[in-house]
Structures are given as structure tokens and as C-alpha cells.
Amino acid sequence: MEARAIVRFVRIAPRKAGQVVDIVRGKSVDEALAILKLTPKAAAPIVYKLIQSAAANAENNHNMDRESLFVSEIYANEGPTMKRFMPRAMGRATTIRKRTSHIGVVLKEK
């Protein structure tokens, strides 16, 4: 039995989200939430809410015990890239790539 949650089109680069995701992989839900609460990264509040959502899905939809849940899979994949332009010297323009992420989590019981 597993519970999952996905957040899509988050305005954070997947590389930065991946750093936060790697910290909590394999941890219990309560331990992962405690770690994310004190992690000073922009992706930490997003992943925190995502894990809370997956835990709520597990409790309410699948009747799983919250105490025995752990993060079995978590990933930060690349979403679509928004392209913007910035003026530069001598009349030129440079492309600015604003990257997005799709972050997903799967919780299982021990």
C-alpha cells in the first residue's frame, strides 16, 4: 500500500529542489518534516507541504498509520522552462531561463 502526492509547475529549479529532496529520502515522515522545518533552502517549505499532503492522503484515503510511514520515493523532475529576455550592452538581448519543477513523493508503511 502506498500514498502519493505531486506538485507540478513549481517555480524553482529542479537542481535546487533536488538538493532538498535528497536530504529526506528514506526517512520517516515525522523525521523528514522536522528536518525540513529547519532547512534554510527555498524548496524546503514546498517539500514540507508536499509530504504533509501525502501523509494526509495516506491517513484519510488508505487508512494507513502515520507513525509507520516513511518516504520511499521522492523526486524533483524538470518542468517546462519559461524564456524571458534581458537587455544587454550594444543593443543585444540575452535569454533568461526560468526553470520549473515537478516534485513527487511516495509514502509507504514499514
Protein backbone atom coordinates (compact mmCIF):
# COMPACT_ATOMS: atom_id res chain seq x y z
CA MET A 1 0.00 0.00 0.00
CA GLU A 2 1.34 3.44 -0.86
CA ALA A 3 0.20 7.04 -0.77
CA ARG A 4 1.46 9.69 -3.14
CA ALA A 5 1.30 13.42 -3.75
CA ILE A 6 2.63 15.52 -6.63
CA VAL A 7 3.11 19.26 -7.02
CA ARG A 8 3.60 20.49 -10.57
CA PHE A 9 4.93 23.67 -12.19
CA VAL A 10 6.74 24.90 -9.08
CA ARG A 11 8.85 27.97 -9.85
CA ILE A 12 12.13 26.57 -8.55
CA ALA A 13 14.96 24.96 -10.48
CA PRO A 14 14.95 21.14 -10.29
CA ARG A 15 18.60 21.13 -9.29
CA LYS A 16 17.87 23.25 -6.22
CA ALA A 17 14.77 21.20 -5.36
CA GLY A 18 16.82 18.01 -5.78
CA GLN A 19 19.21 19.08 -3.03
CA VAL A 20 16.33 19.30 -0.54
CA VAL A 21 14.70 16.11 -1.81
CA ASP A 22 17.93 14.12 -1.29
CA ILE A 23 18.02 15.09 2.41
CA VAL A 24 14.68 13.43 3.29
CA ARG A 25 14.74 10.33 1.06
CA GLY A 26 14.28 7.16 3.15
CA LYS A 27 13.41 8.98 6.38
CA SER A 28 10.24 8.54 8.43
CA VAL A 29 7.55 11.18 7.84
CA ASP A 30 7.95 12.88 11.23
CA GLU A 31 11.74 12.94 10.93
CA ALA A 32 11.56 14.33 7.38
CA LEU A 33 9.18 17.11 8.46
CA ALA A 34 11.45 18.02 11.39
CA ILE A 35 14.48 18.21 9.07
CA LEU A 36 12.62 20.33 6.50
CA LYS A 37 11.38 22.72 9.19
CA LEU A 38 15.00 23.74 9.88
CA THR A 39 16.39 23.55 6.34
CA PRO A 40 17.25 27.05 5.01
CA LYS A 41 16.50 26.37 1.35
CA ALA A 42 13.77 27.85 -0.86
CA ALA A 43 12.43 24.39 -1.74
CA ALA A 44 12.10 23.24 1.89
CA PRO A 45 8.61 24.73 2.56
CA ILE A 46 7.33 23.31 -0.74
CA VAL A 47 8.59 19.79 0.04
CA TYR A 48 7.30 20.14 3.63
CA LYS A 49 3.76 20.82 2.43
CA LEU A 50 4.03 18.03 -0.15
CA ILE A 51 4.99 15.43 2.46
CA GLN A 52 2.19 16.66 4.75
CA SER A 53 -0.26 16.25 1.87
CA ALA A 54 0.94 12.72 1.11
CA ALA A 55 0.65 11.81 4.81
CA ALA A 56 -2.91 13.16 4.89
CA ASN A 57 -3.70 11.13 1.75
CA ALA A 58 -2.31 8.02 3.47
CA GLU A 59 -4.39 8.54 6.61
CA ASN A 60 -7.67 9.60 5.02
CA ASN A 61 -7.75 7.69 1.73
CA HIS A 62 -5.84 4.49 2.53
CA ASN A 63 -6.32 4.14 6.33
CA MET A 64 -2.58 3.87 6.90
CA ASP A 65 -0.90 4.53 10.27
CA ARG A 66 1.00 7.85 10.25
CA GLU A 67 3.58 6.60 12.77
CA SER A 68 4.78 3.84 10.43
CA LEU A 69 5.00 5.92 7.24
CA PHE A 70 8.33 6.62 5.57
CA VAL A 71 9.44 8.37 2.37
CA SER A 72 10.08 5.50 -0.05
CA GLU A 73 10.35 7.60 -3.22
CA ILE A 74 10.81 11.31 -3.73
CA TYR A 75 11.91 13.09 -6.88
CA ALA A 76 12.25 16.53 -8.44
CA ASN A 77 11.87 16.38 -12.22
CA GLU A 78 12.22 19.19 -14.72
CA GLY A 79 9.09 21.02 -15.82
CA PRO A 80 8.67 23.48 -18.67
CA THR A 81 11.13 26.37 -18.88
CA MET A 82 9.84 29.92 -19.22
CA LYS A 83 12.02 32.00 -21.51
CA ARG A 84 12.48 35.68 -20.83
CA PHE A 85 14.81 38.27 -22.37
CA MET A 86 17.10 40.74 -20.67
CA PRO A 87 18.66 43.74 -22.43
CA ARG A 88 22.45 43.73 -22.63
CA ALA A 89 25.15 46.00 -23.96
CA MET A 90 25.21 47.33 -27.54
CA GLY A 91 21.55 46.60 -28.25
CA ARG A 92 21.75 42.87 -27.69
CA ALA A 93 19.44 40.66 -25.66
CA THR A 94 20.18 37.57 -23.59
CA THR A 95 17.79 34.71 -22.84
CA ILE A 96 16.93 34.15 -19.19
CA ARG A 97 15.62 30.65 -18.47
CA LYS A 98 13.21 30.46 -15.55
CA ARG A 99 13.04 26.78 -14.73
CA THR A 100 10.14 24.91 -13.14
CA SER A 101 9.92 21.57 -11.34
CA HIS A 102 7.53 18.70 -10.83
CA ILE A 103 8.10 17.28 -7.34
CA GLY A 104 6.53 13.99 -6.25
CA VAL A 105 6.60 11.81 -3.15
CA VAL A 106 5.52 8.24 -2.38
CA LEU A 107 4.99 7.14 1.23
CA LYS A 108 4.86 3.50 2.34
CA GLU A 109 4.32 1.72 5.65
CA LYS A 110 7.21 -0.07 7.36
